[in-house]
Amino acid sequence: MRMPIGLPSPAGRHFDVVGFGLNMTDLLVVVERFPRPDSKQPIRRHAYSPGGQAASAMVACARLGWRACYVGCFGDDDNGRRGRSSLAAEGVDVAACRVAPDTRNGMSVILVDEGTGERTVLWTRDAGLKLRPDDVDPAAVCAGRVLLVDCHETAASTAAARAARRSGARTVVDVEHVRDGIDALLAEIDVIVTAQELPAALTGKGAPGAALRAIRDAYRPGLVCMTLGAEGSLALVGDVEVRTPAFRVPVVDTTGAGDVFSGGFISGWLRGGDGAEVEDVLRYANAAAALKCRGLGAREASPTPAEVEALLARGSG
């Protein structure tokens, strides 16, 4: 089955993909097991690493060979400077980013279970980093063939997606939570990628297939997909469900796997062009997300094209 939406020509587009939304600085703390209340245990390993949904997805796209741009806001502290320079070092364009004066960059403390790689995220983000609709520069968000937005600041993401659609770009959202304004945002999206819990929370329907159909009927995307962690993903195109199994790799940390899935999806779509097959795009996305889990942090093990191709050749299971 071919992708139900075509891609615009690269002619006149400075980038293949633009990401609009969140960046963070992550402190990753690896522990033997998730702590019980009023307990103590030694830290097995810790590391600072840049993260954030849209920013990490753009790193994934850049590593997979695409011209990527990130549009967002950094604090003017050391973490913000490191976050911005980390993207530039990956070849991600950051010229359209804003720096908020006298503001700390967004920060997460992420507890990683050493045995399973599962993580728990605690985060804080200064109000000075907030992106508003008036902050959206149409020239920046319309500069790619595909625009990826996240759902952290729904009003700004909606304005960005609306502008991109009007320019002929395709829009993708990585959505984790039901927030105010989510309906207006999803109405501007061509491809909806959700976390596992989102469809039921948004629609009230417990069965995954029924929840995806409710999203399709409400917002009319070309494709809606929910990630399922170790079980792969489930997508809906028209009335056809497409189940894609996960690829098995040694898991160190699942932080950022959803971000890399979104970047891998866009990369697989661009790779296939107008002849892209849905099944191939989803397998590419699942392979990229699996490979990310080999390393600590949202970006450390984000894969290269050769690594994805090798895993695809090996197969799932």
C-alpha atoms as a PDB file:
ATOM      1  CA  MET A   1       0.000   0.000   0.000  1.00  0.00           C
ATOM      2  CA  ARG A   2       1.434   3.368  -1.003  1.00  0.00           C
ATOM      3  CA  MET A   3       1.585   6.353   1.287  1.00  0.00           C
ATOM      4  CA  PRO A   4      -1.756   8.131   0.871  1.00  0.00           C
ATOM      5  CA  ILE A   5      -0.137  11.569   0.655  1.00  0.00           C
ATOM      6  CA  GLY A   6       2.461  12.706  -1.860  1.00  0.00           C
ATOM      7  CA  LEU A   7       5.532  14.749  -1.023  1.00  0.00           C
ATOM      8  CA  PRO A   8       6.195  18.207  -2.483  1.00  0.00           C
ATOM      9  CA  SER A   9       9.134  18.681  -4.801  1.00  0.00           C
ATOM     10  CA  PRO A  10      12.438  19.636  -3.158  1.00  0.00           C
ATOM     11  CA  ALA A  11      12.730  22.524  -5.615  1.00  0.00           C
ATOM     12  CA  GLY A  12      12.643  25.812  -3.750  1.00  0.00           C
ATOM     13  CA  ARG A  13      12.832  24.136  -0.339  1.00  0.00           C
ATOM     14  CA  HIS A  14      15.949  24.797   1.714  1.00  0.00           C
ATOM     15  CA  PHE A  15      15.397  21.679   3.823  1.00  0.00           C
ATOM     16  CA  ASP A  16      13.881  18.241   3.569  1.00  0.00           C
ATOM     17  CA  VAL A  17      12.426  18.482   7.065  1.00  0.00           C
ATOM     18  CA  VAL A  18      11.853  21.180   9.681  1.00  0.00           C
ATOM     19  CA  GLY A  19      11.129  20.409  13.335  1.00  0.00           C
ATOM     20  CA  PHE A  20       9.210  22.911  15.470  1.00  0.00           C
ATOM     21  CA  GLY A  21       8.906  22.465  19.217  1.00  0.00           C
ATOM     22  CA  LEU A  22      10.747  21.236  22.243  1.00  0.00           C
ATOM     23  CA  ASN A  23      14.414  20.929  23.157  1.00  0.00           C
ATOM     24  CA  MET A  24      15.638  19.931  26.619  1.00  0.00           C
ATOM     25  CA  THR A  25      18.766  19.125  28.581  1.00  0.00           C
ATOM     26  CA  ASP A  26      18.540  15.660  30.127  1.00  0.00           C
ATOM     27  CA  LEU A  27      20.314  14.355  33.211  1.00  0.00           C
ATOM     28  CA  LEU A  28      20.136  10.590  32.811  1.00  0.00           C
ATOM     29  CA  VAL A  29      20.541   8.529  35.971  1.00  0.00           C
ATOM     30  CA  VAL A  30      20.861   4.760  35.626  1.00  0.00           C
ATOM     31  CA  VAL A  31      19.750   2.771  38.682  1.00  0.00           C
ATOM     32  CA  GLU A  32      19.551  -0.947  39.395  1.00  0.00           C
ATOM     33  CA  ARG A  33      15.784  -0.718  39.852  1.00  0.00           C
ATOM     34  CA  PHE A  34      13.226   2.057  40.104  1.00  0.00           C
ATOM     35  CA  PRO A  35      13.456   3.382  43.692  1.00  0.00           C
ATOM     36  CA  ARG A  36      10.828   2.715  46.326  1.00  0.00           C
ATOM     37  CA  PRO A  37       9.707   5.608  48.546  1.00  0.00           C
ATOM     38  CA  ASP A  38      12.093   6.448  51.402  1.00  0.00           C
ATOM     39  CA  SER A  39      14.885   4.256  49.984  1.00  0.00           C
ATOM     40  CA  LYS A  40      18.501   4.682  48.921  1.00  0.00           C
ATOM     41  CA  GLN A  41      20.607   3.034  46.243  1.00  0.00           C
ATOM     42  CA  PRO A  42      23.806   3.839  44.350  1.00  0.00           C
ATOM     43  CA  ILE A  43      23.780   5.418  40.913  1.00  0.00           C
ATOM     44  CA  ARG A  44      25.125   2.982  38.346  1.00  0.00           C
ATOM     45  CA  ARG A  45      25.869   5.642  35.724  1.00  0.00           C
ATOM     46  CA  HIS A  46      24.860   9.196  34.923  1.00  0.00           C
ATOM     47  CA  ALA A  47      25.264  11.560  31.986  1.00  0.00           C
ATOM     48  CA  TYR A  48      24.091  14.912  30.693  1.00  0.00           C
ATOM     49  CA  SER A  49      22.644  14.722  27.189  1.00  0.00           C
ATOM     50  CA  PRO A  50      20.591  17.050  24.968  1.00  0.00           C
ATOM     51  CA  GLY A  51      17.040  15.923  24.232  1.00  0.00           C
ATOM     52  CA  GLY A  52      13.520  17.147  23.489  1.00  0.00           C
ATOM     53  CA  GLN A  53      10.990  15.754  21.008  1.00  0.00           C
ATOM     54  CA  ALA A  54      11.392  17.963  17.944  1.00  0.00           C
ATOM     55  CA  ALA A  55      15.115  18.573  18.411  1.00  0.00           C
ATOM     56  CA  SER A  56      15.979  14.886  18.814  1.00  0.00           C
ATOM     57  CA  ALA A  57      13.842  13.948  15.815  1.00  0.00           C
ATOM     58  CA  MET A  58      15.800  16.436  13.703  1.00  0.00           C
ATOM     59  CA  VAL A  59      19.076  14.862  14.811  1.00  0.00           C
ATOM     60  CA  ALA A  60      17.664  11.496  13.727  1.00  0.00           C
ATOM     61  CA  CYS A  61      16.766  12.900  10.297  1.00  0.00           C
ATOM     62  CA  ALA A  62      20.175  14.539   9.881  1.00  0.00           C
ATOM     63  CA  ARG A  63      22.012  11.332  10.776  1.00  0.00           C
ATOM     64  CA  LEU A  64      19.836   9.493   8.276  1.00  0.00           C
ATOM     65  CA  GLY A  65      21.047  11.809   5.525  1.00  0.00           C
ATOM     66  CA  TRP A  66      18.417  14.548   5.256  1.00  0.00           C
ATOM     67  CA  ARG A  67      18.654  18.338   5.306  1.00  0.00           C
ATOM     68  CA  ALA A  68      17.172  19.179   8.692  1.00  0.00           C
ATOM     69  CA  CYS A  69      16.295  22.414  10.481  1.00  0.00           C
ATOM     70  CA  TYR A  70      15.171  22.919  14.081  1.00  0.00           C
ATOM     71  CA  VAL A  71      13.010  25.881  15.143  1.00  0.00           C
ATOM     72  CA  GLY A  72      12.602  26.422  18.875  1.00  0.00           C
ATOM     73  CA  CYS A  73      13.742  28.384  21.910  1.00  0.00           C
ATOM     74  CA  PHE A  74      16.850  27.914  24.069  1.00  0.00           C
ATOM     75  CA  GLY A  75      17.762  29.368  27.423  1.00  0.00           C
ATOM     76  CA  ASP A  76      20.818  31.595  27.589  1.00  0.00           C
ATOM     77  CA  ASP A  77      22.565  29.383  30.181  1.00  0.00           C
ATOM     78  CA  ASP A  78      25.285  26.795  29.613  1.00  0.00           C
ATOM     79  CA  ASN A  79      22.719  24.070  28.965  1.00  0.00           C
ATOM     80  CA  GLY A  80      21.033  26.170  26.306  1.00  0.00           C
ATOM     81  CA  ARG A  81      24.340  26.929  24.622  1.00  0.00           C
ATOM     82  CA  ARG A  82      25.328  23.261  24.682  1.00  0.00           C
ATOM     83  CA  GLY A  83      21.950  22.235  23.311  1.00  0.00           C
ATOM     84  CA  ARG A  84      22.174  24.649  20.417  1.00  0.00           C
ATOM     85  CA  SER A  85      25.771  23.707  19.578  1.00  0.00           C
ATOM     86  CA  SER A  86      24.948  19.992  19.770  1.00  0.00           C
ATOM     87  CA  LEU A  87      22.371  20.410  17.013  1.00  0.00           C
ATOM     88  CA  ALA A  88      24.733  22.446  14.858  1.00  0.00           C
ATOM     89  CA  ALA A  89      27.402  19.769  15.308  1.00  0.00           C
ATOM     90  CA  GLU A  90      24.947  17.194  13.904  1.00  0.00           C
ATOM     91  CA  GLY A  91      24.362  19.346  10.821  1.00  0.00           C
ATOM     92  CA  VAL A  92      20.925  20.566  11.960  1.00  0.00           C
ATOM     93  CA  ASP A  93      20.301  24.201  11.010  1.00  0.00           C
ATOM     94  CA  VAL A  94      19.439  26.358  14.056  1.00  0.00           C
ATOM     95  CA  ALA A  95      19.484  29.819  12.464  1.00  0.00           C
ATOM     96  CA  ALA A  96      15.765  30.380  13.097  1.00  0.00           C
ATOM     97  CA  CYS A  97      15.954  29.553  16.823  1.00  0.00           C
ATOM     98  CA  ARG A  98      15.306  32.108  19.546  1.00  0.00           C
ATOM     99  CA  VAL A  99      17.390  32.534  22.726  1.00  0.00           C
ATOM    100  CA  ALA A 100      15.454  33.713  25.784  1.00  0.00           C
ATOM    101  CA  PRO A 101      17.486  36.164  27.916  1.00  0.00           C
ATOM    102  CA  ASP A 102      18.010  35.462  31.622  1.00  0.00           C
ATOM    103  CA  THR A 103      16.313  32.084  31.249  1.00  0.00           C
ATOM    104  CA  ARG A 104      17.454  28.558  32.043  1.00  0.00           C
ATOM    105  CA  ASN A 105      17.054  25.924  29.378  1.00  0.00           C
ATOM    106  CA  GLY A 106      14.432  23.216  29.852  1.00  0.00           C
ATOM    107  CA  MET A 107      15.730  20.393  32.068  1.00  0.00           C
ATOM    108  CA  SER A 108      14.765  16.771  32.656  1.00  0.00           C
ATOM    109  CA  VAL A 109      15.946  14.247  35.211  1.00  0.00           C
ATOM    110  CA  ILE A 110      15.440  10.788  33.744  1.00  0.00           C
ATOM    111  CA  LEU A 111      15.662   7.647  35.860  1.00  0.00           C
ATOM    112  CA  VAL A 112      16.626   4.639  33.735  1.00  0.00           C
ATOM    113  CA  ASP A 113      16.068   1.073  34.978  1.00  0.00           C
ATOM    114  CA  GLU A 114      19.320  -0.783  34.303  1.00  0.00           C
ATOM    115  CA  GLY A 115      17.577  -4.116  33.817  1.00  0.00           C
ATOM    116  CA  THR A 116      14.903  -3.090  31.312  1.00  0.00           C
ATOM    117  CA  GLY A 117      15.996   0.266  29.889  1.00  0.00           C
ATOM    118  CA  GLU A 118      12.599   1.739  30.815  1.00  0.00           C
ATOM    119  CA  ARG A 119      12.673   5.348  31.986  1.00  0.00           C
ATOM    120  CA  THR A 120      10.775   7.781  34.170  1.00  0.00           C
ATOM    121  CA  VAL A 121      10.996  11.483  33.317  1.00  0.00           C
ATOM    122  CA  LEU A 122      10.849  14.445  35.714  1.00  0.00           C
ATOM    123  CA  TRP A 123      11.023  17.813  33.975  1.00  0.00           C
ATOM    124  CA  THR A 124      10.875  21.578  34.350  1.00  0.00           C
ATOM    125  CA  ARG A 125      10.708  24.334  31.747  1.00  0.00           C
ATOM    126  CA  ASP A 126      10.820  28.079  32.363  1.00  0.00           C
ATOM    127  CA  ALA A 127       7.844  30.117  31.156  1.00  0.00           C
ATOM    128  CA  GLY A 128      10.272  32.364  29.273  1.00  0.00           C
ATOM    129  CA  LEU A 129      10.882  29.525  26.803  1.00  0.00           C
ATOM    130  CA  LYS A 130       7.237  29.324  25.758  1.00  0.00           C
ATOM    131  CA  LEU A 131       6.559  29.523  22.024  1.00  0.00           C
ATOM    132  CA  ARG A 132       3.421  31.452  21.054  1.00  0.00           C
ATOM    133  CA  PRO A 133       1.642  31.747  17.710  1.00  0.00           C
ATOM    134  CA  ASP A 134       3.171  35.200  17.198  1.00  0.00           C
ATOM    135  CA  ASP A 135       6.624  33.609  17.504  1.00  0.00           C
ATOM    136  CA  VAL A 136       6.043  31.449  14.427  1.00  0.00           C
ATOM    137  CA  ASP A 137       8.089  32.620  11.440  1.00  0.00           C
ATOM    138  CA  PRO A 138       6.302  31.310   8.312  1.00  0.00           C
ATOM    139  CA  ALA A 139       9.495  31.450   6.274  1.00  0.00           C
ATOM    140  CA  ALA A 140      11.208  29.124   8.747  1.00  0.00           C
ATOM    141  CA  VAL A 141       8.452  26.546   9.277  1.00  0.00           C
ATOM    142  CA  CYS A 142       7.624  26.431   5.549  1.00  0.00           C
ATOM    143  CA  ALA A 143      11.235  25.886   4.459  1.00  0.00           C
ATOM    144  CA  GLY A 144      11.037  22.085   4.363  1.00  0.00           C
ATOM    145  CA  ARG A 145       9.144  19.472   2.410  1.00  0.00           C
ATOM    146  CA  VAL A 146       7.877  18.095   5.740  1.00  0.00           C
ATOM    147  CA  LEU A 147       7.179  19.930   9.003  1.00  0.00           C
ATOM    148  CA  LEU A 148       7.253  17.974  12.273  1.00  0.00           C
ATOM    149  CA  VAL A 149       5.625  19.572  15.322  1.00  0.00           C
ATOM    150  CA  ASP A 150       5.166  18.284  18.846  1.00  0.00           C
ATOM    151  CA  CYS A 151       2.239  18.958  21.158  1.00  0.00           C
ATOM    152  CA  HIS A 152       3.940  20.756  24.037  1.00  0.00           C
ATOM    153  CA  GLU A 153       2.711  24.220  23.007  1.00  0.00           C
ATOM    154  CA  THR A 154      -0.344  23.448  20.963  1.00  0.00           C
ATOM    155  CA  ALA A 155      -1.282  26.967  19.849  1.00  0.00           C
ATOM    156  CA  ALA A 156       2.177  27.665  18.395  1.00  0.00           C
ATOM    157  CA  SER A 157       2.378  24.208  16.812  1.00  0.00           C
ATOM    158  CA  THR A 158      -1.057  24.759  15.253  1.00  0.00           C
ATOM    159  CA  ALA A 159       0.043  28.084  13.740  1.00  0.00           C
ATOM    160  CA  ALA A 160       3.210  26.449  12.388  1.00  0.00           C
ATOM    161  CA  ALA A 161       1.343  23.475  10.898  1.00  0.00           C
ATOM    162  CA  ARG A 162      -1.299  25.719   9.330  1.00  0.00           C
ATOM    163  CA  ALA A 163       1.353  27.869   7.661  1.00  0.00           C
ATOM    164  CA  ALA A 164       3.257  24.820   6.405  1.00  0.00           C
ATOM    165  CA  ARG A 165       0.128  23.249   4.940  1.00  0.00           C
ATOM    166  CA  ARG A 166      -0.706  26.453   3.093  1.00  0.00           C
ATOM    167  CA  SER A 167       2.783  26.392   1.580  1.00  0.00           C
ATOM    168  CA  GLY A 168       2.272  22.844   0.293  1.00  0.00           C
ATOM    169  CA  ALA A 169       4.490  21.154   2.892  1.00  0.00           C
ATOM    170  CA  ARG A 170       3.333  17.959   4.598  1.00  0.00           C
ATOM    171  CA  THR A 171       2.704  18.034   8.336  1.00  0.00           C
ATOM    172  CA  VAL A 172       3.512  15.382  10.942  1.00  0.00           C
ATOM    173  CA  VAL A 173       2.847  15.544  14.687  1.00  0.00           C
ATOM    174  CA  ASP A 174       4.468  13.589  17.510  1.00  0.00           C
ATOM    175  CA  VAL A 175       1.748  13.744  20.172  1.00  0.00           C
ATOM    176  CA  GLU A 176       2.042  12.314  23.687  1.00  0.00           C
ATOM    177  CA  HIS A 177      -0.576  14.065  25.811  1.00  0.00           C
ATOM    178  CA  VAL A 178      -4.078  15.524  25.550  1.00  0.00           C
ATOM    179  CA  ARG A 179      -3.654  19.264  26.064  1.00  0.00           C
ATOM    180  CA  ASP A 180      -5.822  22.342  25.554  1.00  0.00           C
ATOM    181  CA  GLY A 181      -6.038  23.108  21.846  1.00  0.00           C
ATOM    182  CA  ILE A 182      -5.244  19.562  20.723  1.00  0.00           C
ATOM    183  CA  ASP A 183      -8.288  19.404  18.422  1.00  0.00           C
ATOM    184  CA  ALA A 184      -7.233  22.476  16.448  1.00  0.00           C
ATOM    185  CA  LEU A 185      -3.687  21.131  16.152  1.00  0.00           C
ATOM    186  CA  LEU A 186      -4.627  17.653  14.926  1.00  0.00           C
ATOM    187  CA  ALA A 187      -6.972  19.158  12.330  1.00  0.00           C
ATOM    188  CA  GLU A 188      -3.879  20.639  10.587  1.00  0.00           C
ATOM    189  CA  ILE A 189      -1.909  17.376  10.449  1.00  0.00           C
ATOM    190  CA  ASP A 190      -1.376  14.929   7.569  1.00  0.00           C
ATOM    191  CA  VAL A 191       0.320  12.180   9.618  1.00  0.00           C
ATOM    192  CA  ILE A 192      -0.466  11.724  13.307  1.00  0.00           C
ATOM    193  CA  VAL A 193       2.078   9.715  15.339  1.00  0.00           C
ATOM    194  CA  THR A 194       0.980   9.077  18.922  1.00  0.00           C
ATOM    195  CA  ALA A 195       2.364   7.555  22.078  1.00  0.00           C
ATOM    196  CA  GLN A 196       0.706   4.312  23.138  1.00  0.00           C
ATOM    197  CA  GLU A 197      -1.611   5.835  25.748  1.00  0.00           C
ATOM    198  CA  LEU A 198      -2.783   8.846  23.704  1.00  0.00           C
ATOM    199  CA  PRO A 199      -5.506   7.331  21.464  1.00  0.00           C
ATOM    200  CA  ALA A 200      -7.529   5.959  24.390  1.00  0.00           C
ATOM    201  CA  ALA A 201      -7.063   9.147  26.431  1.00  0.00           C
ATOM    202  CA  LEU A 202      -8.139  11.311  23.487  1.00  0.00           C
ATOM    203  CA  THR A 203     -11.094   9.247  22.261  1.00  0.00           C
ATOM    204  CA  GLY A 204     -12.270   7.273  25.302  1.00  0.00           C
ATOM    205  CA  LYS A 205     -12.037   4.050  23.279  1.00  0.00           C
ATOM    206  CA  GLY A 206      -9.930   1.307  24.834  1.00  0.00           C
ATOM    207  CA  ALA A 207      -9.425  -0.900  21.781  1.00  0.00           C
ATOM    208  CA  PRO A 208      -6.467   0.454  19.781  1.00  0.00           C
ATOM    209  CA  GLY A 209      -8.082  -0.062  16.374  1.00  0.00           C
ATOM    210  CA  ALA A 210     -11.289   1.666  17.459  1.00  0.00           C
ATOM    211  CA  ALA A 211      -9.329   4.574  18.958  1.00  0.00           C
ATOM    212  CA  LEU A 212      -7.321   5.060  15.762  1.00  0.00           C
ATOM    213  CA  ARG A 213     -10.537   5.029  13.718  1.00  0.00           C
ATOM    214  CA  ALA A 214     -12.029   7.676  15.992  1.00  0.00           C
ATOM    215  CA  ILE A 215      -8.946   9.860  15.435  1.00  0.00           C
ATOM    216  CA  ARG A 216      -9.179   9.283  11.679  1.00  0.00           C
ATOM    217  CA  ASP A 217     -12.859  10.260  11.647  1.00  0.00           C
ATOM    218  CA  ALA A 218     -12.358  13.359  13.814  1.00  0.00           C
ATOM    219  CA  TYR A 219      -9.282  14.863  12.130  1.00  0.00           C
ATOM    220  CA  ARG A 220      -9.014  13.218   8.677  1.00  0.00           C
ATOM    221  CA  PRO A 221      -5.242  12.588   8.577  1.00  0.00           C
ATOM    222  CA  GLY A 222      -3.851  10.513   5.735  1.00  0.00           C
ATOM    223  CA  LEU A 223      -2.298   8.133   8.275  1.00  0.00           C
ATOM    224  CA  VAL A 224      -2.498   7.747  12.043  1.00  0.00           C
ATOM    225  CA  CYS A 225      -0.025   5.575  13.935  1.00  0.00           C
ATOM    226  CA  MET A 226       0.500   4.635  17.565  1.00  0.00           C
ATOM    227  CA  THR A 227       3.868   3.431  18.821  1.00  0.00           C
ATOM    228  CA  LEU A 228       3.777   0.320  21.000  1.00  0.00           C
ATOM    229  CA  GLY A 229       7.268   0.141  22.466  1.00  0.00           C
ATOM    230  CA  ALA A 230       8.587  -3.427  22.381  1.00  0.00           C
ATOM    231  CA  GLU A 231       5.544  -4.449  20.324  1.00  0.00           C
ATOM    232  CA  GLY A 232       6.338  -2.163  17.378  1.00  0.00           C
ATOM    233  CA  SER A 233       3.558   0.028  16.003  1.00  0.00           C
ATOM    234  CA  LEU A 234      -0.016   0.003  14.767  1.00  0.00           C
ATOM    235  CA  ALA A 235      -1.084   2.309  11.936  1.00  0.00           C
ATOM    236  CA  LEU A 236      -4.364   3.008  10.190  1.00  0.00           C
ATOM    237  CA  VAL A 237      -4.562   4.065   6.538  1.00  0.00           C
ATOM    238  CA  GLY A 238      -8.129   4.501   5.373  1.00  0.00           C
ATOM    239  CA  ASP A 239      -9.750   1.456   6.947  1.00  0.00           C
ATOM    240  CA  VAL A 240      -6.668  -0.774   6.755  1.00  0.00           C
ATOM    241  CA  GLU A 241      -4.691  -1.561   9.904  1.00  0.00           C
ATOM    242  CA  VAL A 242      -0.954  -2.056   9.464  1.00  0.00           C
ATOM    243  CA  ARG A 243       0.843  -3.823  12.323  1.00  0.00           C
ATOM    244  CA  THR A 244       4.621  -3.577  12.275  1.00  0.00           C
ATOM    245  CA  PRO A 245       6.643  -5.708  14.709  1.00  0.00           C
ATOM    246  CA  ALA A 246       9.536  -4.290  16.678  1.00  0.00           C
ATOM    247  CA  PHE A 247      13.153  -5.142  15.965  1.00  0.00           C
ATOM    248  CA  ARG A 248      15.005  -6.852  18.799  1.00  0.00           C
ATOM    249  CA  VAL A 249      18.193  -5.152  19.974  1.00  0.00           C
ATOM    250  CA  PRO A 250      19.972  -5.014  23.342  1.00  0.00           C
ATOM    251  CA  VAL A 251      18.157  -2.244  25.248  1.00  0.00           C
ATOM    252  CA  VAL A 252      20.140   0.242  27.337  1.00  0.00           C
ATOM    253  CA  ASP A 253      17.670   3.149  27.479  1.00  0.00           C
ATOM    254  CA  THR A 254      14.320   3.843  25.790  1.00  0.00           C
ATOM    255  CA  THR A 255      14.607   7.642  26.226  1.00  0.00           C
ATOM    256  CA  GLY A 256      13.920   9.329  22.884  1.00  0.00           C
ATOM    257  CA  ALA A 257      12.740   6.186  21.091  1.00  0.00           C
ATOM    258  CA  GLY A 258       9.486   7.892  20.119  1.00  0.00           C
ATOM    259  CA  ASP A 259      11.374  10.950  18.860  1.00  0.00           C
ATOM    260  CA  VAL A 260      13.586   8.764  16.679  1.00  0.00           C
ATOM    261  CA  PHE A 261      10.530   6.834  15.471  1.00  0.00           C
ATOM    262  CA  SER A 262       9.102  10.127  14.171  1.00  0.00           C
ATOM    263  CA  GLY A 263      12.420  11.071  12.579  1.00  0.00           C
ATOM    264  CA  GLY A 264      12.713   7.580  11.117  1.00  0.00           C
ATOM    265  CA  PHE A 265       9.171   7.742   9.746  1.00  0.00           C
ATOM    266  CA  ILE A 266       9.858  11.021   7.956  1.00  0.00           C
ATOM    267  CA  SER A 267      13.210   9.695   6.721  1.00  0.00           C
ATOM    268  CA  GLY A 268      11.644   6.489   5.420  1.00  0.00           C
ATOM    269  CA  TRP A 269       8.942   8.517   3.672  1.00  0.00           C
ATOM    270  CA  LEU A 270      11.490  10.823   2.035  1.00  0.00           C
ATOM    271  CA  ARG A 271      13.598   7.791   1.103  1.00  0.00           C
ATOM    272  CA  GLY A 272      10.672   6.174  -0.715  1.00  0.00           C
ATOM    273  CA  GLY A 273       9.441   9.385  -2.345  1.00  0.00           C
ATOM    274  CA  ASP A 274       6.106   9.362  -4.123  1.00  0.00           C
ATOM    275  CA  GLY A 275       6.334   5.587  -4.466  1.00  0.00           C
ATOM    276  CA  ALA A 276       6.853   5.023  -0.732  1.00  0.00           C
ATOM    277  CA  GLU A 277       5.062   1.974   0.634  1.00  0.00           C
ATOM    278  CA  VAL A 278       3.425   2.405   4.041  1.00  0.00           C
ATOM    279  CA  GLU A 279       4.818  -0.918   5.272  1.00  0.00           C
ATOM    280  CA  ASP A 280       8.378   0.058   4.267  1.00  0.00           C
ATOM    281  CA  VAL A 281       8.129   3.472   5.924  1.00  0.00           C
ATOM    282  CA  LEU A 282       6.890   1.928   9.180  1.00  0.00           C
ATOM    283  CA  ARG A 283       9.567  -0.766   9.175  1.00  0.00           C
ATOM    284  CA  TYR A 284      12.201   1.940   8.669  1.00  0.00           C
ATOM    285  CA  ALA A 285      10.783   3.955  11.574  1.00  0.00           C
ATOM    286  CA  ASN A 286      10.655   0.911  13.867  1.00  0.00           C
ATOM    287  CA  ALA A 287      14.226  -0.051  12.972  1.00  0.00           C
ATOM    288  CA  ALA A 288      15.541   3.462  13.669  1.00  0.00           C
ATOM    289  CA  ALA A 289      13.723   3.600  17.025  1.00  0.00           C
ATOM    290  CA  ALA A 290      15.018   0.177  18.061  1.00  0.00           C
ATOM    291  CA  LEU A 291      18.618   1.091  17.268  1.00  0.00           C
ATOM    292  CA  LYS A 292      18.362   4.271  19.354  1.00  0.00           C
ATOM    293  CA  CYS A 293      17.700   2.114  22.417  1.00  0.00           C
ATOM    294  CA  ARG A 294      21.259   0.719  22.277  1.00  0.00           C
ATOM    295  CA  GLY A 295      22.669   3.832  23.976  1.00  0.00           C
ATOM    296  CA  LEU A 296      22.007   6.110  26.936  1.00  0.00           C
ATOM    297  CA  GLY A 297      20.130   9.309  26.104  1.00  0.00           C
ATOM    298  CA  ALA A 298      17.811  10.520  23.379  1.00  0.00           C
ATOM    299  CA  ARG A 299      20.486  10.867  20.682  1.00  0.00           C
ATOM    300  CA  GLU A 300      23.596   8.870  21.616  1.00  0.00           C
ATOM    301  CA  ALA A 301      22.709   5.823  19.507  1.00  0.00           C
ATOM    302  CA  SER A 302      20.465   7.459  16.911  1.00  0.00           C
ATOM    303  CA  PRO A 303      21.432   5.410  13.836  1.00  0.00           C
ATOM    304  CA  THR A 304      23.051   5.986  10.463  1.00  0.00           C
ATOM    305  CA  PRO A 305      21.460   4.817   7.199  1.00  0.00           C
ATOM    306  CA  ALA A 306      23.868   1.865   7.017  1.00  0.00           C
ATOM    307  CA  GLU A 307      22.858   0.705  10.507  1.00  0.00           C
ATOM    308  CA  VAL A 308      19.156   0.907   9.659  1.00  0.00           C
ATOM    309  CA  GLU A 309      19.667  -0.963   6.389  1.00  0.00           C
ATOM    310  CA  ALA A 310      21.614  -3.698   8.164  1.00  0.00           C
ATOM    311  CA  LEU A 311      18.844  -4.181  10.728  1.00  0.00           C
ATOM    312  CA  LEU A 312      16.177  -4.191   8.023  1.00  0.00           C
ATOM    313  CA  ALA A 313      18.144  -6.881   6.191  1.00  0.00           C
ATOM    314  CA  ARG A 314      18.401  -8.947   9.367  1.00  0.00           C
ATOM    315  CA  GLY A 315      14.679  -8.667  10.006  1.00  0.00           C
ATOM    316  CA  SER A 316      12.561  -8.381  13.150  1.00  0.00           C
ATOM    317  CA  GLY A 317      12.233 -10.974  15.855  1.00  0.00           C
END
